[in-house]
Amino acid sequence: MKVLNTNNYQFDPNYSLLALAARINPDAQAKKALSHAISEFSDWDALVTEAENNAIAPLLFTSLRESGSVIPQNVKRKLYALVQRHRWANNARAKAMAEIAEACDRKSIPLIVLKGSYLAHSIYPDPSLRTMSDIDLLAPPDKALDVQQILRDLGYTAPEHTGSQYMSGHHHLPGAHIQHDGLPIHVEIHLDALSGDTPASITTENLTSALNVFCVDGTRYFALGYQDQLRHLFHHMSEPASRLKLIWCVDIVYYASHFEKEINWSALKKNYPRVINALRLVDYIIPLPENLRLHIPPNQRPMPAETGVSILPLSTILCDPTKQRTKELLSPPNWWLRLYYGISPDDSLLLTRWVRHPWQVMLWVIRRMRARYAASLSSKGRP
C-alpha cells in the first residue's frame, strides 16, 4: 500500500491522494492540494478500488467535485454509481434500524447505536458519505439474547451458536441477517463494544459519560457519550485488521472536531491519554482541523515507518509459514505499535517491541485456547 525510501517514510500515490480526499468539509488549502495531486495522477482504476476498500468512495467523489478537479468521465461515473449504491444501502439500513429499535422499545430494552450507524447521522453532512457494512447495536448483557430473539421475530436469520470454536465468549452474538429491499442487512448485537483482544471494555454497565441522543427520520436513538465514543473509535481502529481503513481515521478526527466544545479535554487527557496519542498519530495521515490543535500536541518528528498500516489479525497470521508468522507477530509496523500501546511519536519503542508486545501476543493466544476449550465443553452438552 505504501512505499518507503531511505530518508523518510512516504505514502504511495494512491494512498496519498485518498488521504487528501478523506476530509469532511475540506478547506481551501485542502481542495487546492487535492486538485494539484489529481492533475498529475493516472492510475484511476486502482484509485477507485482503493477508495472503496478504504470505505471512502463517497468522500472521494465529493472532495473531487468540491475541489473542481478534472477527472475522466468513466471514473466520475464509477464513483457516482458507488455514491448512489451507498445512499440506497444506508437508507435501507436506517429503515431496518428503526424497525429493530421500535420492537425493542416495546419490550423496554434500551439499545446504543455504535459505529457508522450513529456517525453517519451526526458528523457527516450527508449520511451517504459514511459507508458501512452492518448495523452494530450495544445491548445490556442480560438482554442481548432477548434482542436476538426479537430479530428472529422480525424475520432475521440469527444463529444460536457461532460457527467458530474460537468465538466462545465473543463480544457480540452471532451476526443476524435479512434481505431488505433487495439488500442483505447484517446486524450484530454487542454485549461489549470492544473486542476481547482489547485491554478495555465498554458495556452498558461501565459507561464513563452520559449517553447522547440523536434522531433519524423521527426515530430517537442513544449513542455513546463523548468520552466513551472517542475510546471506542480509538480501540476499534487499533485492533488487528487486514487493513486500517481511512474511514476510521476520518471518524475519530472529525468526531473530535465536531464535538470539540462538548468534550472534556482535561478529563480525556488524564483518564485516556491513548486517545490523545491516537489523534497525534492520525495527524500524520489526515492533518487535524485547527480547533483540535488547541488540545493535541504537534508532531515534531518525521512520519513513523509504515504509518497507517495495522498488524494483521491473528487468524490471518497463523495461516502463514512459520518464519513469516513469527516476523509478522513479533515485528508489527512501528506506527501501529505506537497506536495500540499509546506510545508517543517522541518516545522509544524498545520496551514495547521486546516486552509488552510479545506478552500481549501470548495473551491473545491464551484467550483463543480458552475459547476453544469452552466451545468444546459447550458442544458436548449440546443436543
Protein backbone atom coordinates (compact mmCIF):
# COMPACT_ATOMS: atom_id res chain seq x y z
CA MET A 1 0.00 0.00 0.00
CA LYS A 2 2.87 2.35 0.74
CA VAL A 3 6.48 2.80 -0.29
CA LEU A 4 9.48 3.54 1.88
CA ASN A 5 12.59 5.42 0.88
CA THR A 6 15.84 5.54 2.83
CA ASN A 7 15.41 9.12 4.10
CA ASN A 8 11.79 9.37 5.15
CA TYR A 9 8.58 7.34 5.00
CA GLN A 10 6.20 8.25 2.19
CA PHE A 11 2.74 7.14 1.12
CA ASP A 12 2.30 5.65 -2.32
CA PRO A 13 0.46 7.94 -4.83
CA ASN A 14 -2.93 6.21 -4.41
CA TYR A 15 -2.93 6.37 -0.61
CA SER A 16 -1.55 9.91 -0.61
CA LEU A 17 -4.36 11.11 -2.87
CA LEU A 18 -7.02 9.27 -0.88
CA ALA A 19 -5.71 10.83 2.35
CA LEU A 20 -6.12 14.26 0.73
CA ALA A 21 -9.71 13.39 -0.19
CA ALA A 22 -10.60 11.88 3.21
CA ARG A 23 -11.95 15.13 4.62
CA ILE A 24 -15.34 16.39 5.77
CA ASN A 25 -15.90 19.96 4.54
CA PRO A 26 -12.28 20.45 3.33
CA ASP A 27 -10.87 23.98 3.49
CA ALA A 28 -9.46 25.91 0.54
CA GLN A 29 -5.91 24.67 1.14
CA ALA A 30 -7.01 21.00 1.18
CA LYS A 31 -9.02 21.50 -2.01
CA LYS A 32 -6.05 23.10 -3.75
CA ALA A 33 -3.72 20.27 -2.67
CA LEU A 34 -6.18 17.65 -3.93
CA SER A 35 -6.66 19.42 -7.26
CA HIS A 36 -2.88 19.61 -7.75
CA ALA A 37 -2.39 15.92 -6.88
CA ILE A 38 -5.15 14.89 -9.32
CA SER A 39 -3.56 16.85 -12.17
CA GLU A 40 -0.52 14.55 -12.02
CA PHE A 41 -2.44 11.30 -11.43
CA SER A 42 -3.22 8.49 -13.90
CA ASP A 43 -3.89 5.18 -12.10
CA TRP A 44 -7.66 5.67 -11.98
CA ASP A 45 -8.89 2.08 -11.72
CA ALA A 46 -6.64 1.40 -8.75
CA LEU A 47 -7.77 4.66 -7.12
CA VAL A 48 -11.45 3.74 -7.30
CA THR A 49 -10.74 0.24 -5.97
CA GLU A 50 -8.66 1.57 -3.07
CA ALA A 51 -11.27 4.22 -2.28
CA GLU A 52 -13.89 1.51 -1.89
CA ASN A 53 -11.51 -0.71 0.10
CA ASN A 54 -10.93 2.20 2.49
CA ALA A 55 -14.70 2.92 2.64
CA ILE A 56 -14.28 6.50 1.37
CA ALA A 57 -15.56 6.33 -2.23
CA PRO A 58 -18.38 8.85 -1.50
CA LEU A 59 -15.93 11.18 0.26
CA LEU A 60 -13.55 10.93 -2.70
CA PHE A 61 -16.34 11.80 -5.15
CA THR A 62 -17.49 14.76 -3.04
CA SER A 63 -13.96 16.09 -2.42
CA LEU A 64 -13.08 15.88 -6.12
CA ARG A 65 -16.28 17.71 -7.06
CA GLU A 66 -15.81 20.44 -4.45
CA SER A 67 -12.16 20.98 -5.38
CA GLY A 68 -13.06 21.43 -9.06
CA SER A 69 -10.69 18.60 -10.02
CA VAL A 70 -10.94 17.32 -13.57
CA ILE A 71 -11.12 13.52 -13.82
CA PRO A 72 -12.03 11.15 -16.68
CA GLN A 73 -15.77 10.75 -17.26
CA ASN A 74 -15.70 6.98 -16.81
CA VAL A 75 -14.06 7.42 -13.39
CA LYS A 76 -16.66 10.01 -12.43
CA ARG A 77 -19.44 7.60 -13.46
CA LYS A 78 -17.93 4.76 -11.39
CA LEU A 79 -17.64 6.94 -8.30
CA TYR A 80 -21.14 8.35 -8.75
CA ALA A 81 -22.53 4.81 -9.03
CA LEU A 82 -20.81 3.91 -5.75
CA VAL A 83 -22.24 7.03 -4.09
CA GLN A 84 -25.76 6.08 -5.19
CA ARG A 85 -25.30 2.48 -4.10
CA HIS A 86 -24.15 3.53 -0.62
CA ARG A 87 -27.01 6.06 -0.33
CA TRP A 88 -29.55 3.35 -1.18
CA ALA A 89 -27.91 0.86 1.22
CA ASN A 90 -27.76 3.38 4.08
CA ASN A 91 -31.42 4.27 3.60
CA ALA A 92 -32.36 0.59 3.76
CA ARG A 93 -30.27 0.12 6.92
CA ALA A 94 -31.89 3.17 8.51
CA LYS A 95 -35.34 1.63 7.94
CA ALA A 96 -34.17 -1.69 9.37
CA MET A 97 -32.61 0.02 12.40
CA ALA A 98 -35.85 1.91 13.10
CA GLU A 99 -37.81 -1.34 12.97
CA ILE A 100 -35.42 -3.01 15.43
CA ALA A 101 -35.38 -0.02 17.78
CA GLU A 102 -39.16 0.21 17.86
CA ALA A 103 -39.52 -3.53 18.54
CA CYS A 104 -37.01 -3.34 21.40
CA ASP A 105 -38.63 -0.20 22.78
CA ARG A 106 -41.96 -2.02 23.02
CA LYS A 107 -40.23 -4.51 25.34
CA SER A 108 -38.37 -1.75 27.24
CA ILE A 109 -34.94 -2.90 26.08
CA PRO A 110 -32.56 0.06 25.62
CA LEU A 111 -30.05 -0.09 22.76
CA ILE A 112 -26.99 2.00 22.00
CA VAL A 113 -26.14 2.56 18.33
CA LEU A 114 -22.46 2.05 17.52
CA LYS A 115 -20.05 2.99 14.74
CA GLY A 116 -21.26 4.11 11.31
CA SER A 117 -24.99 3.89 12.01
CA TYR A 118 -24.55 6.72 14.51
CA LEU A 119 -21.66 8.64 12.91
CA ALA A 120 -23.38 8.88 9.53
CA HIS A 121 -26.20 10.87 11.16
CA SER A 122 -24.10 13.01 13.50
CA ILE A 123 -20.82 14.25 11.99
CA TYR A 124 -21.31 13.73 8.26
CA PRO A 125 -23.27 16.44 6.36
CA ASP A 126 -24.86 13.71 4.22
CA PRO A 127 -25.32 10.22 5.76
CA SER A 128 -24.41 8.60 2.44
CA LEU A 129 -20.84 9.87 2.88
CA ARG A 130 -20.29 7.37 5.71
CA THR A 131 -20.27 3.89 4.20
CA MET A 132 -20.94 0.86 6.37
CA SER A 133 -21.37 -2.88 6.08
CA ASP A 134 -23.66 -3.68 9.01
CA ILE A 135 -25.63 -2.33 11.96
CA ASP A 136 -23.90 -2.58 15.34
CA LEU A 137 -26.03 -2.29 18.47
CA LEU A 138 -24.94 -2.47 22.11
CA ALA A 139 -27.45 -4.14 24.41
CA PRO A 140 -27.47 -4.73 28.17
CA PRO A 141 -25.64 -8.07 28.65
CA ASP A 142 -28.67 -9.68 30.32
CA LYS A 143 -30.95 -8.58 27.45
CA ALA A 144 -28.76 -9.42 24.44
CA LEU A 145 -30.35 -12.83 23.85
CA ASP A 146 -33.80 -11.22 24.07
CA VAL A 147 -32.76 -8.75 21.33
CA GLN A 148 -31.50 -11.66 19.21
CA GLN A 149 -34.91 -13.30 19.57
CA ILE A 150 -36.61 -10.05 18.58
CA LEU A 151 -34.52 -10.10 15.39
CA ARG A 152 -35.76 -13.62 14.66
CA ASP A 153 -39.34 -12.48 15.24
CA LEU A 154 -38.72 -9.69 12.69
CA GLY A 155 -37.64 -12.30 10.11
CA TYR A 156 -33.87 -12.25 10.59
CA THR A 157 -31.80 -15.40 10.44
CA ALA A 158 -29.91 -15.36 13.74
CA PRO A 159 -27.85 -18.44 14.62
CA GLU A 160 -27.82 -19.56 18.24
CA HIS A 161 -24.20 -20.66 18.11
CA THR A 162 -21.13 -19.28 16.38
CA GLY A 163 -19.52 -21.35 13.66
CA SER A 164 -16.01 -20.87 15.08
CA GLN A 165 -14.54 -22.75 18.03
CA TYR A 166 -12.56 -19.62 18.92
CA MET A 167 -15.61 -17.36 19.29
CA SER A 168 -16.88 -18.60 22.64
CA GLY A 169 -17.39 -15.64 24.96
CA HIS A 170 -17.19 -13.25 22.00
CA HIS A 171 -18.07 -9.57 22.47
CA HIS A 172 -21.07 -9.85 20.16
CA LEU A 173 -23.61 -12.55 19.39
CA PRO A 174 -23.54 -14.40 16.05
CA GLY A 175 -24.49 -11.97 13.29
CA ALA A 176 -28.12 -11.83 12.16
CA HIS A 177 -29.14 -11.10 8.57
CA ILE A 178 -32.15 -10.48 6.34
CA GLN A 179 -32.91 -9.29 2.82
CA HIS A 180 -34.37 -5.78 2.99
CA ASP A 181 -35.49 -4.20 -0.30
CA GLY A 182 -33.05 -6.49 -2.09
CA LEU A 183 -30.11 -5.59 0.18
CA PRO A 184 -28.58 -8.05 2.66
CA ILE A 185 -28.85 -6.37 6.07
CA HIS A 186 -26.40 -7.61 8.71
CA VAL A 187 -26.90 -6.84 12.41
CA GLU A 188 -24.55 -7.53 15.30
CA ILE A 189 -25.81 -7.37 18.88
CA HIS A 190 -22.91 -6.46 21.14
CA LEU A 191 -22.52 -7.34 24.80
CA ASP A 192 -19.34 -5.23 24.76
CA ALA A 193 -18.48 -2.53 22.24
CA LEU A 194 -14.85 -3.70 22.30
CA SER A 195 -13.24 -6.98 21.28
CA GLY A 196 -11.87 -9.32 23.91
CA ASP A 197 -8.42 -8.71 22.40
CA THR A 198 -8.67 -5.11 23.55
CA PRO A 199 -7.30 -4.26 27.04
CA ALA A 200 -10.50 -2.32 27.83
CA SER A 201 -14.27 -2.75 27.91
CA ILE A 202 -17.31 -0.62 27.06
CA THR A 203 -20.64 -2.12 28.11
CA THR A 204 -23.94 -0.61 29.21
CA GLU A 205 -22.78 -1.25 32.79
CA ASN A 206 -19.43 0.59 32.81
CA LEU A 207 -20.03 3.77 30.80
CA THR A 208 -17.92 6.76 31.83
CA SER A 209 -20.02 9.52 30.27
CA ALA A 210 -23.71 10.27 29.78
CA LEU A 211 -25.33 8.89 26.65
CA ASN A 212 -26.10 11.17 23.72
CA VAL A 213 -29.42 11.20 21.89
CA PHE A 214 -29.89 11.56 18.13
CA CYS A 215 -32.83 11.22 15.76
CA VAL A 216 -33.13 9.72 12.28
CA ASP A 217 -36.39 10.28 10.39
CA GLY A 218 -38.28 10.84 13.63
CA THR A 219 -36.91 7.81 15.48
CA ARG A 220 -34.95 8.52 18.66
CA TYR A 221 -31.74 6.62 19.43
CA PHE A 222 -28.99 6.54 22.03
CA ALA A 223 -25.26 6.83 21.28
CA LEU A 224 -22.18 6.63 23.48
CA GLY A 225 -21.20 9.78 25.35
CA TYR A 226 -18.28 11.87 24.13
CA GLN A 227 -15.53 10.21 26.18
CA ASP A 228 -16.78 6.66 25.57
CA GLN A 229 -17.28 7.38 21.87
CA LEU A 230 -13.67 8.52 21.47
CA ARG A 231 -12.47 5.49 23.42
CA HIS A 232 -14.50 3.23 21.14
CA LEU A 233 -13.26 4.86 17.93
CA PHE A 234 -9.65 4.61 19.12
CA HIS A 235 -9.82 0.97 20.19
CA HIS A 236 -11.75 -0.04 17.08
CA MET A 237 -9.16 1.46 14.72
CA SER A 238 -6.24 -0.01 16.68
CA GLU A 239 -7.48 -3.60 16.66
CA PRO A 240 -5.58 -6.02 14.38
CA ALA A 241 -7.08 -5.79 10.90
CA SER A 242 -6.34 -6.78 7.31
CA ARG A 243 -6.23 -3.04 6.59
CA LEU A 244 -6.61 0.07 8.70
CA LYS A 245 -9.32 1.86 6.73
CA LEU A 246 -9.06 5.58 6.11
CA ILE A 247 -12.70 5.98 7.11
CA TRP A 248 -11.72 5.07 10.69
CA CYS A 249 -9.22 7.94 10.68
CA VAL A 250 -11.91 10.28 9.34
CA ASP A 251 -14.31 9.14 12.07
CA ILE A 252 -12.08 9.86 15.05
CA VAL A 253 -10.66 13.14 13.69
CA TYR A 254 -13.96 14.70 12.70
CA TYR A 255 -15.90 13.37 15.69
CA ALA A 256 -13.36 15.09 17.94
CA SER A 257 -13.53 18.24 15.83
CA HIS A 258 -17.33 18.28 15.54
CA PHE A 259 -17.81 17.97 19.31
CA GLU A 260 -14.66 19.84 20.33
CA LYS A 261 -16.55 22.24 22.62
CA GLU A 262 -18.56 19.47 24.31
CA ILE A 263 -15.61 17.14 25.02
CA ASN A 264 -13.98 17.42 28.44
CA TRP A 265 -10.39 17.51 27.18
CA SER A 266 -8.74 17.72 30.59
CA ALA A 267 -10.56 14.56 31.76
CA LEU A 268 -9.77 12.81 28.48
CA LYS A 269 -6.05 13.63 28.77
CA LYS A 270 -5.99 12.44 32.37
CA ASN A 271 -8.06 9.26 32.03
CA TYR A 272 -7.50 8.18 28.43
CA PRO A 273 -4.23 9.63 27.12
CA ARG A 274 -4.15 6.95 24.41
CA VAL A 275 -6.97 8.77 22.63
CA ILE A 276 -4.87 11.94 22.54
CA ASN A 277 -1.90 9.93 21.27
CA ALA A 278 -4.09 8.33 18.59
CA LEU A 279 -5.11 11.75 17.29
CA ARG A 280 -1.42 12.73 17.13
CA LEU A 281 -0.64 9.63 15.07
CA VAL A 282 -3.61 10.13 12.74
CA ASP A 283 -2.38 13.69 12.18
CA TYR A 284 0.36 12.17 10.01
CA ILE A 285 -2.36 10.84 7.68
CA ILE A 286 -5.15 13.42 7.90
CA PRO A 287 -4.00 16.82 9.24
CA LEU A 288 -6.07 17.74 12.27
CA PRO A 289 -8.55 20.63 11.95
CA GLU A 290 -7.43 23.85 13.61
CA ASN A 291 -9.81 23.57 16.57
CA LEU A 292 -8.08 20.33 17.64
CA ARG A 293 -4.63 21.95 17.62
CA LEU A 294 -5.59 23.56 20.93
CA HIS A 295 -5.72 20.13 22.59
CA ILE A 296 -3.32 17.86 20.67
CA PRO A 297 0.47 18.32 20.90
CA PRO A 298 2.10 18.95 17.50
CA ASN A 299 4.29 16.31 15.88
CA GLN A 300 7.92 17.39 15.69
CA ARG A 301 9.37 14.16 14.32
CA PRO A 302 9.12 12.72 10.77
CA MET A 303 6.33 10.31 9.90
CA PRO A 304 6.89 6.91 11.60
CA ALA A 305 7.63 3.92 9.39
CA GLU A 306 4.56 2.18 7.94
CA THR A 307 2.17 4.91 9.02
CA GLY A 308 -1.44 3.77 8.57
CA VAL A 309 -0.52 0.07 8.48
CA SER A 310 -2.03 -2.30 11.06
CA ILE A 311 -0.88 -5.65 12.34
CA LEU A 312 -2.84 -8.42 10.61
CA PRO A 313 -5.46 -10.40 12.55
CA LEU A 314 -4.06 -13.38 14.44
CA SER A 315 -6.21 -15.77 12.38
CA THR A 316 -4.57 -14.49 9.18
CA ILE A 317 -1.03 -14.55 10.56
CA LEU A 318 -1.35 -18.13 11.81
CA CYS A 319 -2.11 -19.30 8.27
CA ASP A 320 1.32 -18.11 7.08
CA PRO A 321 4.56 -20.16 7.04
CA THR A 322 6.30 -20.33 10.43
CA LYS A 323 9.14 -17.93 9.60
CA GLN A 324 6.79 -15.28 8.16
CA ARG A 325 4.33 -15.87 11.00
CA THR A 326 6.97 -15.10 13.64
CA LYS A 327 8.06 -11.93 11.86
CA GLU A 328 4.50 -10.62 11.46
CA LEU A 329 3.57 -11.41 15.07
CA LEU A 330 6.66 -10.07 16.77
CA SER A 331 7.69 -7.27 14.42
CA PRO A 332 4.49 -5.34 13.62
CA PRO A 333 4.52 -1.87 11.99
CA ASN A 334 6.06 0.89 14.14
CA TRP A 335 3.10 3.23 13.69
CA TRP A 336 0.64 0.56 14.83
CA LEU A 337 2.76 -0.25 17.91
CA ARG A 338 2.59 3.41 18.90
CA LEU A 339 -1.16 3.49 18.27
CA TYR A 340 -2.09 0.28 20.10
CA TYR A 341 0.15 0.75 23.13
CA GLY A 342 -0.20 4.53 23.42
CA ILE A 343 3.45 5.32 22.70
CA SER A 344 4.14 8.93 21.74
CA PRO A 345 5.95 9.63 18.44
CA ASP A 346 8.67 11.18 20.65
CA ASP A 347 9.35 8.07 22.76
CA SER A 348 11.32 4.86 22.23
CA LEU A 349 9.58 1.63 21.17
CA LEU A 350 12.29 -0.63 22.62
CA LEU A 351 10.42 -1.83 25.72
CA THR A 352 7.13 -2.09 23.84
CA ARG A 353 8.56 -4.09 20.93
CA TRP A 354 10.55 -6.57 23.02
CA VAL A 355 8.48 -6.91 26.21
CA ARG A 356 4.95 -5.50 26.09
CA HIS A 357 4.03 -6.71 22.62
CA PRO A 358 5.27 -10.33 22.98
CA TRP A 359 3.36 -10.52 26.27
CA GLN A 360 0.21 -9.21 24.52
CA VAL A 361 0.57 -11.79 21.74
CA MET A 362 0.75 -14.52 24.37
CA LEU A 363 -2.46 -13.18 25.95
CA TRP A 364 -4.19 -13.26 22.54
CA VAL A 365 -3.19 -16.90 22.04
CA ILE A 366 -4.26 -17.89 25.58
CA ARG A 367 -7.63 -16.22 25.06
CA ARG A 368 -8.23 -18.28 21.93
CA MET A 369 -7.20 -21.51 23.63
CA ARG A 370 -9.64 -20.80 26.43
CA ALA A 371 -12.40 -20.04 23.94
CA ARG A 372 -11.66 -23.27 22.09
CA TYR A 373 -11.80 -25.25 25.34
CA ALA A 374 -15.08 -23.56 26.37
CA ALA A 375 -16.54 -24.31 22.93
CA SER A 376 -15.62 -27.99 23.22
CA LEU A 377 -17.35 -28.25 26.61
CA SER A 378 -20.41 -26.47 25.26
CA SER A 379 -20.65 -28.72 22.20
CA LYS A 380 -20.57 -31.85 24.40
CA GLY A 381 -23.63 -30.64 26.27
CA ARG A 382 -25.44 -29.53 23.11
CA PRO A 383 -28.11 -31.90 21.69
